[in-house]
Amino acid sequence: MQSSLQIIGASVTAMSEPIAALAGLKVLVVEDETIVAMLLEQMLEELGCVVAGVSGQVSAATELAQTIDADIAILDMNLGGQRVDPVAETLAGRNLPFVFASGYGEDGLSPQFRGRLVLPKPFRLDQLRDALIGAAGARG
């Protein structure tokens, strides 16, 4: 059974049960727009994931990325006018997979991150699910 909900331009399709491949997956959310972060948290919980932490500033997110117990991260490419690259570099150094979220697509990525998964904003629940499965699977 599925139902749809329209929230601030984002289409959310409700799923009746969590996705087995994502059950218990700990996710770091790096997003500076409070409404988007809240919507993302809700979507992650619906998919059976656990939100390990949330940050909306590059410096705080970079510090959090150094020690957080997470399996994967979702990174908004631009936090308050600052590139999220330091957070991505920290996560890459820890071999933690991550997905960029942006309305600019891969063109907005720094050269060292080209080829990484980009979740287009606004995104649907099924796109989030597929991005998480793809990034988690790429980790091996």
C-alpha atoms as a PDB file:
ATOM      1  CA  MET A   1       0.000   0.000   0.000  1.00  0.00           C
ATOM      2  CA  GLN A   2       1.360   3.409  -0.967  1.00  0.00           C
ATOM      3  CA  SER A   3       0.114   6.953  -0.489  1.00  0.00           C
ATOM      4  CA  SER A   4       1.496  10.262  -1.692  1.00  0.00           C
ATOM      5  CA  LEU A   5       2.058  13.481   0.220  1.00  0.00           C
ATOM      6  CA  GLN A   6       3.056  16.832  -1.279  1.00  0.00           C
ATOM      7  CA  ILE A   7       5.356  18.863   1.007  1.00  0.00           C
ATOM      8  CA  ILE A   8       7.017  22.095  -0.124  1.00  0.00           C
ATOM      9  CA  GLY A   9       7.498  20.937  -3.683  1.00  0.00           C
ATOM     10  CA  ALA A  10       8.837  17.511  -2.721  1.00  0.00           C
ATOM     11  CA  SER A  11       6.783  14.470  -3.528  1.00  0.00           C
ATOM     12  CA  VAL A  12       6.866  11.832  -0.812  1.00  0.00           C
ATOM     13  CA  THR A  13       5.448   8.408  -1.527  1.00  0.00           C
ATOM     14  CA  ALA A  14       4.714   6.625   1.729  1.00  0.00           C
ATOM     15  CA  MET A  15       5.729   2.975   1.896  1.00  0.00           C
ATOM     16  CA  SER A  16       3.942   0.562   4.188  1.00  0.00           C
ATOM     17  CA  GLU A  17       7.129  -1.034   5.537  1.00  0.00           C
ATOM     18  CA  PRO A  18      10.863  -0.269   5.721  1.00  0.00           C
ATOM     19  CA  ILE A  19      13.234  -1.504   3.033  1.00  0.00           C
ATOM     20  CA  ALA A  20      15.176  -4.534   4.333  1.00  0.00           C
ATOM     21  CA  ALA A  21      18.467  -3.404   2.752  1.00  0.00           C
ATOM     22  CA  LEU A  22      18.258  -0.096   4.654  1.00  0.00           C
ATOM     23  CA  ALA A  23      16.931  -1.328   7.996  1.00  0.00           C
ATOM     24  CA  GLY A  24      19.055   0.134  10.780  1.00  0.00           C
ATOM     25  CA  LEU A  25      21.381   2.013   8.395  1.00  0.00           C
ATOM     26  CA  LYS A  26      22.859   4.935  10.388  1.00  0.00           C
ATOM     27  CA  VAL A  27      22.774   8.135   8.337  1.00  0.00           C
ATOM     28  CA  LEU A  28      24.497  11.470   8.913  1.00  0.00           C
ATOM     29  CA  VAL A  29      22.403  14.309   7.454  1.00  0.00           C
ATOM     30  CA  VAL A  30      24.272  17.477   6.441  1.00  0.00           C
ATOM     31  CA  GLU A  31      21.695  20.049   5.352  1.00  0.00           C
ATOM     32  CA  ASP A  32      21.354  23.751   6.193  1.00  0.00           C
ATOM     33  CA  GLU A  33      17.661  24.184   5.318  1.00  0.00           C
ATOM     34  CA  THR A  34      15.723  23.191   8.444  1.00  0.00           C
ATOM     35  CA  ILE A  35      12.549  22.177   6.596  1.00  0.00           C
ATOM     36  CA  VAL A  36      14.520  20.042   4.130  1.00  0.00           C
ATOM     37  CA  ALA A  37      16.497  18.426   6.968  1.00  0.00           C
ATOM     38  CA  MET A  38      13.280  17.603   8.823  1.00  0.00           C
ATOM     39  CA  LEU A  39      11.691  16.150   5.692  1.00  0.00           C
ATOM     40  CA  LEU A  40      14.830  14.120   5.004  1.00  0.00           C
ATOM     41  CA  GLU A  41      14.846  12.768   8.567  1.00  0.00           C
ATOM     42  CA  GLN A  42      11.218  11.715   8.168  1.00  0.00           C
ATOM     43  CA  MET A  43      11.948  10.016   4.838  1.00  0.00           C
ATOM     44  CA  LEU A  44      14.972   8.186   6.267  1.00  0.00           C
ATOM     45  CA  GLU A  45      12.951   6.899   9.208  1.00  0.00           C
ATOM     46  CA  GLU A  46      10.246   5.725   6.827  1.00  0.00           C
ATOM     47  CA  LEU A  47      12.882   3.737   4.933  1.00  0.00           C
ATOM     48  CA  GLY A  48      13.950   2.068   8.186  1.00  0.00           C
ATOM     49  CA  CYS A  49      17.149   4.096   8.617  1.00  0.00           C
ATOM     50  CA  VAL A  50      18.395   5.669  11.838  1.00  0.00           C
ATOM     51  CA  VAL A  51      19.410   9.330  11.789  1.00  0.00           C
ATOM     52  CA  ALA A  52      22.855   9.298  13.425  1.00  0.00           C
ATOM     53  CA  GLY A  53      23.263  13.078  13.429  1.00  0.00           C
ATOM     54  CA  VAL A  54      22.268  16.299  11.717  1.00  0.00           C
ATOM     55  CA  SER A  55      24.351  19.386  10.998  1.00  0.00           C
ATOM     56  CA  GLY A  56      23.793  22.488   8.907  1.00  0.00           C
ATOM     57  CA  GLN A  57      27.216  24.172   9.120  1.00  0.00           C
ATOM     58  CA  VAL A  58      30.444  23.136   7.414  1.00  0.00           C
ATOM     59  CA  SER A  59      32.663  23.457  10.499  1.00  0.00           C
ATOM     60  CA  ALA A  60      30.278  21.585  12.806  1.00  0.00           C
ATOM     61  CA  ALA A  61      29.571  18.924  10.165  1.00  0.00           C
ATOM     62  CA  THR A  62      33.293  18.395   9.539  1.00  0.00           C
ATOM     63  CA  GLU A  63      33.899  17.927  13.257  1.00  0.00           C
ATOM     64  CA  LEU A  64      30.936  15.553  13.503  1.00  0.00           C
ATOM     65  CA  ALA A  65      32.132  13.585  10.460  1.00  0.00           C
ATOM     66  CA  GLN A  66      35.442  12.853  12.212  1.00  0.00           C
ATOM     67  CA  THR A  67      33.886  10.747  14.965  1.00  0.00           C
ATOM     68  CA  ILE A  68      30.243   9.978  14.246  1.00  0.00           C
ATOM     69  CA  ASP A  69      29.118   6.362  14.244  1.00  0.00           C
ATOM     70  CA  ALA A  70      27.387   6.376  10.864  1.00  0.00           C
ATOM     71  CA  ASP A  71      27.190   4.021   7.905  1.00  0.00           C
ATOM     72  CA  ILE A  72      26.558   6.673   5.266  1.00  0.00           C
ATOM     73  CA  ALA A  73      25.982  10.426   4.876  1.00  0.00           C
ATOM     74  CA  ILE A  74      23.809  12.690   2.774  1.00  0.00           C
ATOM     75  CA  LEU A  75      25.514  16.004   2.044  1.00  0.00           C
ATOM     76  CA  ASP A  76      23.881  19.159   0.749  1.00  0.00           C
ATOM     77  CA  MET A  77      26.570  20.573  -1.588  1.00  0.00           C
ATOM     78  CA  ASN A  78      26.188  24.126  -0.329  1.00  0.00           C
ATOM     79  CA  LEU A  79      25.759  25.036   3.336  1.00  0.00           C
ATOM     80  CA  GLY A  80      25.053  28.702   3.885  1.00  0.00           C
ATOM     81  CA  GLY A  81      27.140  29.674   0.869  1.00  0.00           C
ATOM     82  CA  GLN A  82      30.048  27.351   1.781  1.00  0.00           C
ATOM     83  CA  ARG A  83      31.004  24.242  -0.157  1.00  0.00           C
ATOM     84  CA  VAL A  84      30.622  20.986   1.756  1.00  0.00           C
ATOM     85  CA  ASP A  85      33.980  19.673   0.469  1.00  0.00           C
ATOM     86  CA  PRO A  86      35.710  19.551   3.905  1.00  0.00           C
ATOM     87  CA  VAL A  87      32.963  17.258   5.189  1.00  0.00           C
ATOM     88  CA  ALA A  88      33.196  15.041   2.094  1.00  0.00           C
ATOM     89  CA  GLU A  89      36.989  14.873   2.428  1.00  0.00           C
ATOM     90  CA  THR A  90      36.692  13.830   6.078  1.00  0.00           C
ATOM     91  CA  LEU A  91      34.167  11.125   5.254  1.00  0.00           C
ATOM     92  CA  ALA A  92      36.247   9.885   2.318  1.00  0.00           C
ATOM     93  CA  GLY A  93      39.269   9.697   4.618  1.00  0.00           C
ATOM     94  CA  ARG A  94      37.251   7.446   6.930  1.00  0.00           C
ATOM     95  CA  ASN A  95      36.013   5.357   3.990  1.00  0.00           C
ATOM     96  CA  LEU A  96      32.403   6.265   4.796  1.00  0.00           C
ATOM     97  CA  PRO A  97      30.147   6.414   1.743  1.00  0.00           C
ATOM     98  CA  PHE A  98      28.168   9.549   1.044  1.00  0.00           C
ATOM     99  CA  VAL A  99      25.678  10.978  -1.401  1.00  0.00           C
ATOM    100  CA  PHE A 100      25.553  14.616  -2.454  1.00  0.00           C
ATOM    101  CA  ALA A 101      22.139  16.291  -2.585  1.00  0.00           C
ATOM    102  CA  SER A 102      21.803  19.262  -4.906  1.00  0.00           C
ATOM    103  CA  GLY A 103      19.697  21.012  -7.461  1.00  0.00           C
ATOM    104  CA  TYR A 104      22.841  21.585  -9.563  1.00  0.00           C
ATOM    105  CA  GLY A 105      23.625  17.947 -10.326  1.00  0.00           C
ATOM    106  CA  GLU A 106      27.155  16.683 -10.872  1.00  0.00           C
ATOM    107  CA  ASP A 107      28.165  20.030 -12.421  1.00  0.00           C
ATOM    108  CA  GLY A 108      28.186  21.520  -8.931  1.00  0.00           C
ATOM    109  CA  LEU A 109      30.731  19.009  -7.619  1.00  0.00           C
ATOM    110  CA  SER A 110      34.399  19.764  -7.089  1.00  0.00           C
ATOM    111  CA  PRO A 111      36.613  17.835  -9.533  1.00  0.00           C
ATOM    112  CA  GLN A 112      37.783  15.325  -6.889  1.00  0.00           C
ATOM    113  CA  PHE A 113      34.175  14.281  -6.242  1.00  0.00           C
ATOM    114  CA  ARG A 114      32.997  13.925  -9.856  1.00  0.00           C
ATOM    115  CA  GLY A 115      31.449  10.528 -10.348  1.00  0.00           C
ATOM    116  CA  ARG A 116      29.962  10.405  -6.834  1.00  0.00           C
ATOM    117  CA  LEU A 117      26.236   9.843  -6.495  1.00  0.00           C
ATOM    118  CA  VAL A 118      24.160  13.016  -6.632  1.00  0.00           C
ATOM    119  CA  LEU A 119      20.590  13.032  -5.384  1.00  0.00           C
ATOM    120  CA  PRO A 120      18.705  15.705  -7.356  1.00  0.00           C
ATOM    121  CA  LYS A 121      16.693  18.216  -5.326  1.00  0.00           C
ATOM    122  CA  PRO A 122      13.808  18.032  -4.906  1.00  0.00           C
ATOM    123  CA  PHE A 123      13.850  14.255  -4.603  1.00  0.00           C
ATOM    124  CA  ARG A 124      11.260  11.574  -4.044  1.00  0.00           C
ATOM    125  CA  LEU A 125      11.396   8.778  -1.482  1.00  0.00           C
ATOM    126  CA  ASP A 126      12.210   6.187  -4.146  1.00  0.00           C
ATOM    127  CA  GLN A 127      15.157   8.312  -5.381  1.00  0.00           C
ATOM    128  CA  LEU A 128      16.481   8.601  -1.825  1.00  0.00           C
ATOM    129  CA  ARG A 129      16.105   4.845  -1.344  1.00  0.00           C
ATOM    130  CA  ASP A 130      17.961   4.077  -4.580  1.00  0.00           C
ATOM    131  CA  ALA A 131      20.775   6.542  -3.783  1.00  0.00           C
ATOM    132  CA  LEU A 132      21.281   5.059  -0.305  1.00  0.00           C
ATOM    133  CA  ILE A 133      21.301   1.503  -1.627  1.00  0.00           C
ATOM    134  CA  GLY A 134      23.721   2.498  -4.403  1.00  0.00           C
ATOM    135  CA  ALA A 135      26.134   4.300  -2.094  1.00  0.00           C
ATOM    136  CA  ALA A 136      25.987   1.642   0.626  1.00  0.00           C
ATOM    137  CA  GLY A 137      26.558  -1.070  -1.990  1.00  0.00           C
ATOM    138  CA  ALA A 138      29.511   0.801  -3.491  1.00  0.00           C
ATOM    139  CA  ARG A 139      31.240   0.649  -0.123  1.00  0.00           C
ATOM    140  CA  GLY A 140      31.389  -3.106  -0.434  1.00  0.00           C
END
